[in-house]
Amino acid sequence: MDANTKTQVASVRRFSRFFTQRMGVLEEGLLASPFTLAQARVLYELGTRQHLTAKDLIDSLGLDRGYLSRILQGFVKLRLLATKQSAIDARRADLSLTPKGQKAFMELDRGSQRSVGGLIRPLSAAQRQRLLRAMQDVQQTLQLQRTPRNPKILVRPYAIGDVGWAIERHGQLYADEFGWNEEFEALVAVLFAKFATQHHAGFEQFWVAEVDNQRAGCVFVVRSEKDPHAAQLRCLLVDPIARGLGIGRRLVDECIAFSKAAGYRRIILWTNDVLVSARRIYEAAGFSLIEESSHHSFGHDLVGQLWGRDL
């Protein structure tokens, strides 16, 4: 494990320790109840779903079969759980909560709502939205490794709020992934501000990609300052939560189609050689390297590249 990975692992573990402490899951009984965290999760599934079998619980919770069996046996002894032979598969038993089990679930669920409510109540509306977006990012990013995705993808023209989002996301992602400093965010802010205040709708456009109704990428096209017959592609970005879905290529294809329809003869773009994934998208879309030169920007020594293709 290299030094960078060790640092990232330590950060994840630090967040895990903080979050589990704040949520109270380290206590012997979750939310002052007689149930452990694992027991509470099983109780929640039983209280919110119907026609469950032990296999369903194993599949949804990832619990060891023997461990789950001991939890279920304990629920039966406490008269929280009833079992009966499945009408679909005689080899399996349907699980359901008894009236006592339903009462225990409802008390635990109300306690959980009170606990989370107390956690977010002091936050402002803006802070709550920021927290929820961050939690959604964590969930979606980790789910990419475990579950096949069939997401709803939409590429649309920009709307109110998209410019601010694009500037912030560029600054943060390039700082996280490449260590670029505030100079880069400042450059992006200038480019987007100029587009937002001066663009010609028939010849310049900005698109945002959404995945499951969440912003996940962007790009825009403007007229080249040096060649009025050339469109310039700028600020292509695909968020980590959406990579591998073909969004980068869809955004570039949108730029090419728009530029053709607007009557441009060629389309160009400027990038840096460290942006390997973006370069692959450009090459696949028919762009060729025109020229490159070294420069020191954003706190690093870089090699800038000019790419282009005829339309």
C-alpha atoms as a PDB file:
ATOM      1  CA  MET A   1       0.000   0.000   0.000  1.00  0.00           C
ATOM      2  CA  ASP A   2       1.556   3.308  -1.075  1.00  0.00           C
ATOM      3  CA  ALA A   3       1.696   6.413   1.125  1.00  0.00           C
ATOM      4  CA  ASN A   4      -1.206   8.137  -0.659  1.00  0.00           C
ATOM      5  CA  THR A   5      -3.487   5.115  -0.246  1.00  0.00           C
ATOM      6  CA  LYS A   6      -2.525   4.820   3.445  1.00  0.00           C
ATOM      7  CA  THR A   7      -3.516   8.450   3.973  1.00  0.00           C
ATOM      8  CA  GLN A   8      -6.849   7.886   2.228  1.00  0.00           C
ATOM      9  CA  VAL A   9      -7.539   4.733   4.260  1.00  0.00           C
ATOM     10  CA  ALA A  10      -6.789   6.633   7.470  1.00  0.00           C
ATOM     11  CA  SER A  11      -9.236   9.369   6.424  1.00  0.00           C
ATOM     12  CA  VAL A  12     -12.021   6.841   5.771  1.00  0.00           C
ATOM     13  CA  ARG A  13     -11.389   5.146   9.124  1.00  0.00           C
ATOM     14  CA  ARG A  14     -11.383   8.493  10.913  1.00  0.00           C
ATOM     15  CA  PHE A  15     -14.743   9.395   9.374  1.00  0.00           C
ATOM     16  CA  SER A  16     -16.128   5.957  10.295  1.00  0.00           C
ATOM     17  CA  ARG A  17     -15.106   6.401  13.934  1.00  0.00           C
ATOM     18  CA  PHE A  18     -16.640   9.886  14.033  1.00  0.00           C
ATOM     19  CA  PHE A  19     -19.898   8.842  12.384  1.00  0.00           C
ATOM     20  CA  THR A  20     -20.490   5.695  14.436  1.00  0.00           C
ATOM     21  CA  GLN A  21     -19.891   7.684  17.637  1.00  0.00           C
ATOM     22  CA  ARG A  22     -22.285  10.475  16.607  1.00  0.00           C
ATOM     23  CA  MET A  23     -24.979   7.968  15.601  1.00  0.00           C
ATOM     24  CA  GLY A  24     -24.674   6.113  18.899  1.00  0.00           C
ATOM     25  CA  VAL A  25     -24.051   2.694  17.343  1.00  0.00           C
ATOM     26  CA  LEU A  26     -21.144   1.943  19.696  1.00  0.00           C
ATOM     27  CA  GLU A  27     -23.417   1.630  22.704  1.00  0.00           C
ATOM     28  CA  GLU A  28     -24.204  -1.874  23.964  1.00  0.00           C
ATOM     29  CA  GLY A  29     -27.854  -1.371  23.067  1.00  0.00           C
ATOM     30  CA  LEU A  30     -28.668   0.675  19.980  1.00  0.00           C
ATOM     31  CA  LEU A  31     -30.644   3.840  20.836  1.00  0.00           C
ATOM     32  CA  ALA A  32     -31.018   2.714  24.466  1.00  0.00           C
ATOM     33  CA  SER A  33     -32.793  -0.448  23.275  1.00  0.00           C
ATOM     34  CA  PRO A  34     -31.975  -4.091  24.120  1.00  0.00           C
ATOM     35  CA  PHE A  35     -30.882  -4.680  20.498  1.00  0.00           C
ATOM     36  CA  THR A  36     -27.434  -4.620  18.952  1.00  0.00           C
ATOM     37  CA  LEU A  37     -26.874  -2.836  15.640  1.00  0.00           C
ATOM     38  CA  ALA A  38     -27.134  -6.109  13.678  1.00  0.00           C
ATOM     39  CA  GLN A  39     -30.313  -7.130  15.494  1.00  0.00           C
ATOM     40  CA  ALA A  40     -31.821  -3.714  14.870  1.00  0.00           C
ATOM     41  CA  ARG A  41     -31.064  -3.934  11.141  1.00  0.00           C
ATOM     42  CA  VAL A  42     -32.768  -7.338  10.936  1.00  0.00           C
ATOM     43  CA  LEU A  43     -35.736  -5.995  12.903  1.00  0.00           C
ATOM     44  CA  TYR A  44     -35.988  -3.018  10.525  1.00  0.00           C
ATOM     45  CA  GLU A  45     -36.092  -5.299   7.459  1.00  0.00           C
ATOM     46  CA  LEU A  46     -38.752  -7.462   9.083  1.00  0.00           C
ATOM     47  CA  GLY A  47     -40.793  -4.412  10.046  1.00  0.00           C
ATOM     48  CA  THR A  48     -40.732  -2.728   6.628  1.00  0.00           C
ATOM     49  CA  ARG A  49     -40.891  -5.636   4.177  1.00  0.00           C
ATOM     50  CA  GLN A  50     -43.306  -8.500   3.588  1.00  0.00           C
ATOM     51  CA  HIS A  51     -42.841 -12.174   2.687  1.00  0.00           C
ATOM     52  CA  LEU A  52     -39.214 -12.264   3.824  1.00  0.00           C
ATOM     53  CA  THR A  53     -37.129 -15.409   4.110  1.00  0.00           C
ATOM     54  CA  ALA A  54     -33.752 -15.906   5.764  1.00  0.00           C
ATOM     55  CA  LYS A  55     -32.138 -15.900   2.311  1.00  0.00           C
ATOM     56  CA  ASP A  56     -33.685 -12.512   1.550  1.00  0.00           C
ATOM     57  CA  LEU A  57     -32.104 -11.110   4.710  1.00  0.00           C
ATOM     58  CA  ILE A  58     -28.719 -12.621   3.857  1.00  0.00           C
ATOM     59  CA  ASP A  59     -28.875 -11.098   0.375  1.00  0.00           C
ATOM     60  CA  SER A  60     -29.942  -7.635   1.520  1.00  0.00           C
ATOM     61  CA  LEU A  61     -27.801  -7.321   4.663  1.00  0.00           C
ATOM     62  CA  GLY A  62     -24.778  -9.441   3.760  1.00  0.00           C
ATOM     63  CA  LEU A  63     -24.875 -11.261   7.103  1.00  0.00           C
ATOM     64  CA  ASP A  64     -23.262 -14.620   7.741  1.00  0.00           C
ATOM     65  CA  ARG A  65     -25.842 -17.409   7.589  1.00  0.00           C
ATOM     66  CA  GLY A  66     -24.988 -18.762  11.035  1.00  0.00           C
ATOM     67  CA  TYR A  67     -24.966 -15.305  12.619  1.00  0.00           C
ATOM     68  CA  LEU A  68     -28.357 -14.478  11.119  1.00  0.00           C
ATOM     69  CA  SER A  69     -29.745 -17.818  12.283  1.00  0.00           C
ATOM     70  CA  ARG A  70     -28.757 -17.028  15.880  1.00  0.00           C
ATOM     71  CA  ILE A  71     -30.415 -13.591  15.648  1.00  0.00           C
ATOM     72  CA  LEU A  72     -33.648 -15.103  14.300  1.00  0.00           C
ATOM     73  CA  GLN A  73     -33.672 -17.862  16.927  1.00  0.00           C
ATOM     74  CA  GLY A  74     -33.277 -15.184  19.595  1.00  0.00           C
ATOM     75  CA  PHE A  75     -36.237 -13.265  18.174  1.00  0.00           C
ATOM     76  CA  VAL A  76     -38.355 -16.423  18.233  1.00  0.00           C
ATOM     77  CA  LYS A  77     -37.454 -17.036  21.882  1.00  0.00           C
ATOM     78  CA  LEU A  78     -38.419 -13.462  22.731  1.00  0.00           C
ATOM     79  CA  ARG A  79     -41.727 -13.983  20.850  1.00  0.00           C
ATOM     80  CA  LEU A  80     -40.857 -11.209  18.427  1.00  0.00           C
ATOM     81  CA  LEU A  81     -40.800 -13.424  15.321  1.00  0.00           C
ATOM     82  CA  ALA A  82     -43.176 -15.964  13.782  1.00  0.00           C
ATOM     83  CA  THR A  83     -42.301 -18.417  11.013  1.00  0.00           C
ATOM     84  CA  LYS A  84     -44.414 -20.469   8.626  1.00  0.00           C
ATOM     85  CA  GLN A  85     -43.720 -22.611   5.601  1.00  0.00           C
ATOM     86  CA  SER A  86     -43.450 -20.606   2.398  1.00  0.00           C
ATOM     87  CA  ALA A  87     -46.308 -21.102  -0.039  1.00  0.00           C
ATOM     88  CA  ILE A  88     -43.868 -20.534  -2.912  1.00  0.00           C
ATOM     89  CA  ASP A  89     -41.020 -22.800  -1.780  1.00  0.00           C
ATOM     90  CA  ALA A  90     -41.745 -25.475   0.823  1.00  0.00           C
ATOM     91  CA  ARG A  91     -38.035 -25.639   1.690  1.00  0.00           C
ATOM     92  CA  ARG A  92     -38.117 -22.107   3.079  1.00  0.00           C
ATOM     93  CA  ALA A  93     -39.959 -20.327   5.865  1.00  0.00           C
ATOM     94  CA  ASP A  94     -41.661 -16.946   5.636  1.00  0.00           C
ATOM     95  CA  LEU A  95     -40.693 -14.628   8.467  1.00  0.00           C
ATOM     96  CA  SER A  96     -42.997 -12.058  10.062  1.00  0.00           C
ATOM     97  CA  LEU A  97     -43.069 -10.036  13.236  1.00  0.00           C
ATOM     98  CA  THR A  98     -45.536 -10.882  15.956  1.00  0.00           C
ATOM     99  CA  PRO A  99     -47.580  -8.060  17.565  1.00  0.00           C
ATOM    100  CA  LYS A 100     -44.846  -7.881  20.225  1.00  0.00           C
ATOM    101  CA  GLY A 101     -42.235  -7.720  17.472  1.00  0.00           C
ATOM    102  CA  GLN A 102     -44.142  -4.961  15.674  1.00  0.00           C
ATOM    103  CA  LYS A 103     -44.242  -2.947  18.895  1.00  0.00           C
ATOM    104  CA  ALA A 104     -40.502  -3.393  19.397  1.00  0.00           C
ATOM    105  CA  PHE A 105     -39.826  -2.319  15.813  1.00  0.00           C
ATOM    106  CA  MET A 106     -42.019   0.784  16.096  1.00  0.00           C
ATOM    107  CA  GLU A 107     -40.323   1.854  19.338  1.00  0.00           C
ATOM    108  CA  LEU A 108     -36.894   1.404  17.783  1.00  0.00           C
ATOM    109  CA  ASP A 109     -37.922   3.230  14.607  1.00  0.00           C
ATOM    110  CA  ARG A 110     -39.296   6.184  16.574  1.00  0.00           C
ATOM    111  CA  GLY A 111     -36.085   6.294  18.602  1.00  0.00           C
ATOM    112  CA  SER A 112     -34.035   6.355  15.418  1.00  0.00           C
ATOM    113  CA  GLN A 113     -36.107   9.210  14.005  1.00  0.00           C
ATOM    114  CA  ARG A 114     -35.697  11.201  17.225  1.00  0.00           C
ATOM    115  CA  SER A 115     -31.943  10.578  17.233  1.00  0.00           C
ATOM    116  CA  VAL A 116     -31.399  11.662  13.624  1.00  0.00           C
ATOM    117  CA  GLY A 117     -33.790  14.574  14.059  1.00  0.00           C
ATOM    118  CA  GLY A 118     -31.728  15.785  16.996  1.00  0.00           C
ATOM    119  CA  LEU A 119     -28.568  15.465  14.917  1.00  0.00           C
ATOM    120  CA  ILE A 120     -29.761  17.646  12.031  1.00  0.00           C
ATOM    121  CA  ARG A 121     -32.075  20.023  13.909  1.00  0.00           C
ATOM    122  CA  PRO A 122     -29.308  22.548  14.755  1.00  0.00           C
ATOM    123  CA  LEU A 123     -28.267  22.747  11.087  1.00  0.00           C
ATOM    124  CA  SER A 124     -29.472  25.458   8.727  1.00  0.00           C
ATOM    125  CA  ALA A 125     -31.409  24.527   5.582  1.00  0.00           C
ATOM    126  CA  ALA A 126     -28.271  25.046   3.478  1.00  0.00           C
ATOM    127  CA  GLN A 127     -26.186  22.905   5.832  1.00  0.00           C
ATOM    128  CA  ARG A 128     -28.763  20.119   5.707  1.00  0.00           C
ATOM    129  CA  GLN A 129     -28.745  20.128   1.909  1.00  0.00           C
ATOM    130  CA  ARG A 130     -24.950  20.038   1.862  1.00  0.00           C
ATOM    131  CA  LEU A 131     -24.944  17.120   4.314  1.00  0.00           C
ATOM    132  CA  LEU A 132     -27.526  15.175   2.308  1.00  0.00           C
ATOM    133  CA  ARG A 133     -25.647  15.709  -0.972  1.00  0.00           C
ATOM    134  CA  ALA A 134     -22.408  14.519   0.609  1.00  0.00           C
ATOM    135  CA  MET A 135     -24.092  11.418   2.032  1.00  0.00           C
ATOM    136  CA  GLN A 136     -25.653  10.670  -1.353  1.00  0.00           C
ATOM    137  CA  ASP A 137     -22.240  10.997  -2.998  1.00  0.00           C
ATOM    138  CA  VAL A 138     -20.730   8.517  -0.535  1.00  0.00           C
ATOM    139  CA  GLN A 139     -23.553   6.015  -1.035  1.00  0.00           C
ATOM    140  CA  GLN A 140     -23.555   6.189  -4.824  1.00  0.00           C
ATOM    141  CA  THR A 141     -19.769   6.017  -5.096  1.00  0.00           C
ATOM    142  CA  LEU A 142     -19.508   2.899  -2.928  1.00  0.00           C
ATOM    143  CA  GLN A 143     -22.508   1.257  -4.616  1.00  0.00           C
ATOM    144  CA  LEU A 144     -20.698   1.414  -7.976  1.00  0.00           C
ATOM    145  CA  GLN A 145     -18.389  -1.356  -6.749  1.00  0.00           C
ATOM    146  CA  ARG A 146     -21.170  -3.709  -5.663  1.00  0.00           C
ATOM    147  CA  THR A 147     -24.251  -3.369  -7.790  1.00  0.00           C
ATOM    148  CA  PRO A 148     -24.845  -3.248 -11.547  1.00  0.00           C
ATOM    149  CA  ARG A 149     -26.243   0.099 -12.623  1.00  0.00           C
ATOM    150  CA  ASN A 150     -28.974   1.021 -15.041  1.00  0.00           C
ATOM    151  CA  PRO A 151     -29.108   4.738 -14.264  1.00  0.00           C
ATOM    152  CA  LYS A 152     -31.269   7.399 -15.819  1.00  0.00           C
ATOM    153  CA  ILE A 153     -28.900   9.653 -17.798  1.00  0.00           C
ATOM    154  CA  LEU A 154     -29.904  13.059 -19.136  1.00  0.00           C
ATOM    155  CA  VAL A 155     -27.808  15.615 -21.054  1.00  0.00           C
ATOM    156  CA  ARG A 156     -29.524  19.002 -21.073  1.00  0.00           C
ATOM    157  CA  PRO A 157     -28.795  22.705 -21.683  1.00  0.00           C
ATOM    158  CA  TYR A 158     -27.744  24.557 -18.560  1.00  0.00           C
ATOM    159  CA  ALA A 159     -30.187  26.149 -16.124  1.00  0.00           C
ATOM    160  CA  ILE A 160     -30.013  28.479 -13.138  1.00  0.00           C
ATOM    161  CA  GLY A 161     -27.546  27.150 -10.553  1.00  0.00           C
ATOM    162  CA  ASP A 162     -25.498  25.091 -13.000  1.00  0.00           C
ATOM    163  CA  VAL A 163     -22.753  27.682 -13.505  1.00  0.00           C
ATOM    164  CA  GLY A 164     -22.036  27.919  -9.782  1.00  0.00           C
ATOM    165  CA  TRP A 165     -22.076  24.148  -9.438  1.00  0.00           C
ATOM    166  CA  ALA A 166     -19.680  23.694 -12.373  1.00  0.00           C
ATOM    167  CA  ILE A 167     -17.150  26.166 -10.972  1.00  0.00           C
ATOM    168  CA  GLU A 168     -17.201  24.617  -7.503  1.00  0.00           C
ATOM    169  CA  ARG A 169     -17.011  21.041  -8.823  1.00  0.00           C
ATOM    170  CA  HIS A 170     -14.080  21.811 -11.133  1.00  0.00           C
ATOM    171  CA  GLY A 171     -12.142  23.471  -8.327  1.00  0.00           C
ATOM    172  CA  GLN A 172     -12.755  20.683  -5.836  1.00  0.00           C
ATOM    173  CA  LEU A 173     -12.218  17.705  -8.146  1.00  0.00           C
ATOM    174  CA  TYR A 174      -9.012  19.003  -9.692  1.00  0.00           C
ATOM    175  CA  ALA A 175      -7.665  19.828  -6.244  1.00  0.00           C
ATOM    176  CA  ASP A 176      -8.533  16.340  -4.981  1.00  0.00           C
ATOM    177  CA  GLU A 177      -7.314  14.385  -8.000  1.00  0.00           C
ATOM    178  CA  PHE A 178      -4.377  16.436  -9.290  1.00  0.00           C
ATOM    179  CA  GLY A 179      -3.486  18.775  -6.448  1.00  0.00           C
ATOM    180  CA  TRP A 180      -4.184  21.897  -8.529  1.00  0.00           C
ATOM    181  CA  ASN A 181      -4.423  25.075  -6.506  1.00  0.00           C
ATOM    182  CA  GLU A 182      -6.848  27.995  -6.454  1.00  0.00           C
ATOM    183  CA  GLU A 183      -5.459  29.378  -9.727  1.00  0.00           C
ATOM    184  CA  PHE A 184      -7.348  26.696 -11.606  1.00  0.00           C
ATOM    185  CA  GLU A 185     -10.676  27.405  -9.908  1.00  0.00           C
ATOM    186  CA  ALA A 186     -10.138  31.116 -10.624  1.00  0.00           C
ATOM    187  CA  LEU A 187      -9.536  30.383 -14.327  1.00  0.00           C
ATOM    188  CA  VAL A 188     -12.659  28.221 -14.530  1.00  0.00           C
ATOM    189  CA  ALA A 189     -14.682  30.929 -12.787  1.00  0.00           C
ATOM    190  CA  VAL A 190     -13.537  33.507 -15.363  1.00  0.00           C
ATOM    191  CA  LEU A 191     -14.402  31.219 -18.294  1.00  0.00           C
ATOM    192  CA  PHE A 192     -17.867  30.380 -16.979  1.00  0.00           C
ATOM    193  CA  ALA A 193     -18.596  33.976 -15.979  1.00  0.00           C
ATOM    194  CA  LYS A 194     -17.717  35.154 -19.470  1.00  0.00           C
ATOM    195  CA  PHE A 195     -19.960  32.500 -20.991  1.00  0.00           C
ATOM    196  CA  ALA A 196     -22.841  33.314 -18.639  1.00  0.00           C
ATOM    197  CA  THR A 197     -22.739  37.046 -19.374  1.00  0.00           C
ATOM    198  CA  GLN A 198     -21.646  37.235 -23.023  1.00  0.00           C
ATOM    199  CA  HIS A 199     -22.468  34.053 -24.924  1.00  0.00           C
ATOM    200  CA  HIS A 200     -24.344  34.004 -28.235  1.00  0.00           C
ATOM    201  CA  ALA A 201     -27.089  31.392 -27.919  1.00  0.00           C
ATOM    202  CA  GLY A 202     -26.993  30.360 -31.568  1.00  0.00           C
ATOM    203  CA  PHE A 203     -23.258  29.715 -31.585  1.00  0.00           C
ATOM    204  CA  GLU A 204     -22.353  28.928 -27.984  1.00  0.00           C
ATOM    205  CA  GLN A 205     -23.922  26.513 -25.495  1.00  0.00           C
ATOM    206  CA  PHE A 206     -23.357  24.858 -22.118  1.00  0.00           C
ATOM    207  CA  TRP A 207     -24.633  21.368 -21.233  1.00  0.00           C
ATOM    208  CA  VAL A 208     -25.037  19.516 -17.955  1.00  0.00           C
ATOM    209  CA  ALA A 209     -25.242  15.741 -17.609  1.00  0.00           C
ATOM    210  CA  GLU A 210     -27.431  14.252 -14.893  1.00  0.00           C
ATOM    211  CA  VAL A 211     -27.367  10.728 -13.499  1.00  0.00           C
ATOM    212  CA  ASP A 212     -30.528   9.771 -11.626  1.00  0.00           C
ATOM    213  CA  ASN A 213     -31.466  13.478 -11.425  1.00  0.00           C
ATOM    214  CA  GLN A 214     -28.103  14.459  -9.910  1.00  0.00           C
ATOM    215  CA  ARG A 215     -25.590  16.697 -11.705  1.00  0.00           C
ATOM    216  CA  ALA A 216     -22.691  14.523 -12.818  1.00  0.00           C
ATOM    217  CA  GLY A 217     -20.877  16.308 -15.659  1.00  0.00           C
ATOM    218  CA  CYS A 218     -20.695  19.348 -17.882  1.00  0.00           C
ATOM    219  CA  VAL A 219     -19.063  20.959 -20.920  1.00  0.00           C
ATOM    220  CA  PHE A 220     -19.526  24.098 -23.008  1.00  0.00           C
ATOM    221  CA  VAL A 221     -18.729  25.387 -26.484  1.00  0.00           C
ATOM    222  CA  VAL A 222     -17.803  28.964 -27.466  1.00  0.00           C
ATOM    223  CA  ARG A 223     -16.524  30.636 -30.601  1.00  0.00           C
ATOM    224  CA  SER A 224     -12.719  30.583 -30.765  1.00  0.00           C
ATOM    225  CA  GLU A 225     -11.183  33.994 -30.078  1.00  0.00           C
ATOM    226  CA  LYS A 226      -8.496  33.345 -32.724  1.00  0.00           C
ATOM    227  CA  ASP A 227     -10.576  31.741 -35.475  1.00  0.00           C
ATOM    228  CA  PRO A 228     -14.225  32.755 -36.076  1.00  0.00           C
ATOM    229  CA  HIS A 229     -14.775  29.557 -38.064  1.00  0.00           C
ATOM    230  CA  ALA A 230     -13.744  27.336 -35.136  1.00  0.00           C
ATOM    231  CA  ALA A 231     -15.719  26.295 -32.080  1.00  0.00           C
ATOM    232  CA  GLN A 232     -13.825  25.743 -28.840  1.00  0.00           C
ATOM    233  CA  LEU A 233     -14.787  22.999 -26.398  1.00  0.00           C
ATOM    234  CA  ARG A 234     -14.146  23.954 -22.788  1.00  0.00           C
ATOM    235  CA  CYS A 235     -14.362  22.606 -19.244  1.00  0.00           C
ATOM    236  CA  LEU A 236     -15.317  18.973 -19.858  1.00  0.00           C
ATOM    237  CA  LEU A 237     -15.938  17.345 -16.491  1.00  0.00           C
ATOM    238  CA  VAL A 238     -17.353  13.985 -15.399  1.00  0.00           C
ATOM    239  CA  ASP A 239     -17.904  13.472 -11.685  1.00  0.00           C
ATOM    240  CA  PRO A 240     -16.387  10.302 -10.161  1.00  0.00           C
ATOM    241  CA  ILE A 241     -19.860   8.987  -9.289  1.00  0.00           C
ATOM    242  CA  ALA A 242     -20.706   8.831 -13.009  1.00  0.00           C
ATOM    243  CA  ARG A 243     -17.496   7.623 -14.607  1.00  0.00           C
ATOM    244  CA  GLY A 244     -17.694   4.516 -16.738  1.00  0.00           C
ATOM    245  CA  LEU A 245     -21.187   5.362 -18.001  1.00  0.00           C
ATOM    246  CA  GLY A 246     -20.100   6.994 -21.273  1.00  0.00           C
ATOM    247  CA  ILE A 247     -21.091  10.481 -20.124  1.00  0.00           C
ATOM    248  CA  GLY A 248     -17.843  12.123 -21.241  1.00  0.00           C
ATOM    249  CA  ARG A 249     -18.298  10.859 -24.790  1.00  0.00           C
ATOM    250  CA  ARG A 250     -21.962  11.929 -24.833  1.00  0.00           C
ATOM    251  CA  LEU A 251     -21.002  15.453 -23.785  1.00  0.00           C
ATOM    252  CA  VAL A 252     -18.282  15.680 -26.436  1.00  0.00           C
ATOM    253  CA  ASP A 253     -20.654  14.319 -29.091  1.00  0.00           C
ATOM    254  CA  GLU A 254     -23.155  17.012 -28.075  1.00  0.00           C
ATOM    255  CA  CYS A 255     -20.490  19.670 -28.644  1.00  0.00           C
ATOM    256  CA  ILE A 256     -19.599  18.269 -32.069  1.00  0.00           C
ATOM    257  CA  ALA A 257     -23.224  18.032 -33.224  1.00  0.00           C
ATOM    258  CA  PHE A 258     -23.989  21.556 -32.014  1.00  0.00           C
ATOM    259  CA  SER A 259     -20.880  22.989 -33.668  1.00  0.00           C
ATOM    260  CA  LYS A 260     -21.751  21.371 -36.998  1.00  0.00           C
ATOM    261  CA  ALA A 261     -25.301  22.708 -36.835  1.00  0.00           C
ATOM    262  CA  ALA A 262     -24.005  26.200 -35.988  1.00  0.00           C
ATOM    263  CA  GLY A 263     -21.883  26.208 -39.161  1.00  0.00           C
ATOM    264  CA  TYR A 264     -18.405  25.948 -37.662  1.00  0.00           C
ATOM    265  CA  ARG A 265     -15.738  24.357 -39.869  1.00  0.00           C
ATOM    266  CA  ARG A 266     -13.667  22.869 -37.051  1.00  0.00           C
ATOM    267  CA  ILE A 267     -13.660  22.386 -33.299  1.00  0.00           C
ATOM    268  CA  ILE A 268     -10.633  22.773 -31.020  1.00  0.00           C
ATOM    269  CA  LEU A 269      -9.847  22.357 -27.331  1.00  0.00           C
ATOM    270  CA  TRP A 270      -6.997  22.961 -24.908  1.00  0.00           C
ATOM    271  CA  THR A 271      -6.057  20.420 -22.254  1.00  0.00           C
ATOM    272  CA  ASN A 272      -3.067  19.097 -20.312  1.00  0.00           C
ATOM    273  CA  ASP A 273      -1.266  15.821 -20.821  1.00  0.00           C
ATOM    274  CA  VAL A 274      -1.988  14.606 -17.272  1.00  0.00           C
ATOM    275  CA  LEU A 275      -5.705  14.446 -18.075  1.00  0.00           C
ATOM    276  CA  VAL A 276      -5.382  10.989 -19.596  1.00  0.00           C
ATOM    277  CA  SER A 277      -9.034   9.941 -19.422  1.00  0.00           C
ATOM    278  CA  ALA A 278     -10.203  13.120 -21.149  1.00  0.00           C
ATOM    279  CA  ARG A 279      -7.600  12.672 -23.886  1.00  0.00           C
ATOM    280  CA  ARG A 280      -8.916   9.200 -24.620  1.00  0.00           C
ATOM    281  CA  ILE A 281     -12.416  10.618 -25.054  1.00  0.00           C
ATOM    282  CA  TYR A 282     -11.123  13.285 -27.451  1.00  0.00           C
ATOM    283  CA  GLU A 283      -9.167  10.750 -29.501  1.00  0.00           C
ATOM    284  CA  ALA A 284     -12.201   8.441 -29.722  1.00  0.00           C
ATOM    285  CA  ALA A 285     -14.259  11.397 -30.970  1.00  0.00           C
ATOM    286  CA  GLY A 286     -11.815  12.078 -33.806  1.00  0.00           C
ATOM    287  CA  PHE A 287      -9.649  14.825 -32.307  1.00  0.00           C
ATOM    288  CA  SER A 288      -5.920  14.933 -33.129  1.00  0.00           C
ATOM    289  CA  LEU A 289      -3.059  16.605 -31.281  1.00  0.00           C
ATOM    290  CA  ILE A 290      -2.035  19.850 -33.020  1.00  0.00           C
ATOM    291  CA  GLU A 291       0.663  21.198 -30.728  1.00  0.00           C
ATOM    292  CA  GLU A 292       1.895  21.101 -27.135  1.00  0.00           C
ATOM    293  CA  SER A 293       4.089  23.227 -24.876  1.00  0.00           C
ATOM    294  CA  SER A 294       5.329  23.208 -21.284  1.00  0.00           C
ATOM    295  CA  HIS A 295       3.998  25.670 -18.736  1.00  0.00           C
ATOM    296  CA  HIS A 296       3.829  26.169 -14.978  1.00  0.00           C
ATOM    297  CA  SER A 297       0.253  26.647 -13.829  1.00  0.00           C
ATOM    298  CA  PHE A 298      -2.029  25.706 -10.932  1.00  0.00           C
ATOM    299  CA  GLY A 299       1.021  24.973  -8.765  1.00  0.00           C
ATOM    300  CA  HIS A 300       2.544  22.364 -11.123  1.00  0.00           C
ATOM    301  CA  ASP A 301       4.798  21.958 -14.152  1.00  0.00           C
ATOM    302  CA  LEU A 302       2.454  20.829 -16.919  1.00  0.00           C
ATOM    303  CA  VAL A 303       2.363  20.158 -20.655  1.00  0.00           C
ATOM    304  CA  GLY A 304      -0.482  21.977 -22.356  1.00  0.00           C
ATOM    305  CA  GLN A 305      -1.958  20.504 -25.530  1.00  0.00           C
ATOM    306  CA  LEU A 306      -4.073  21.890 -28.333  1.00  0.00           C
ATOM    307  CA  TRP A 307      -6.352  19.353 -30.029  1.00  0.00           C
ATOM    308  CA  GLY A 308      -8.725  19.732 -32.959  1.00  0.00           C
ATOM    309  CA  ARG A 309     -10.829  18.082 -35.651  1.00  0.00           C
ATOM    310  CA  ASP A 310     -12.627  19.172 -38.797  1.00  0.00           C
ATOM    311  CA  LEU A 311     -16.423  19.180 -38.864  1.00  0.00           C
END
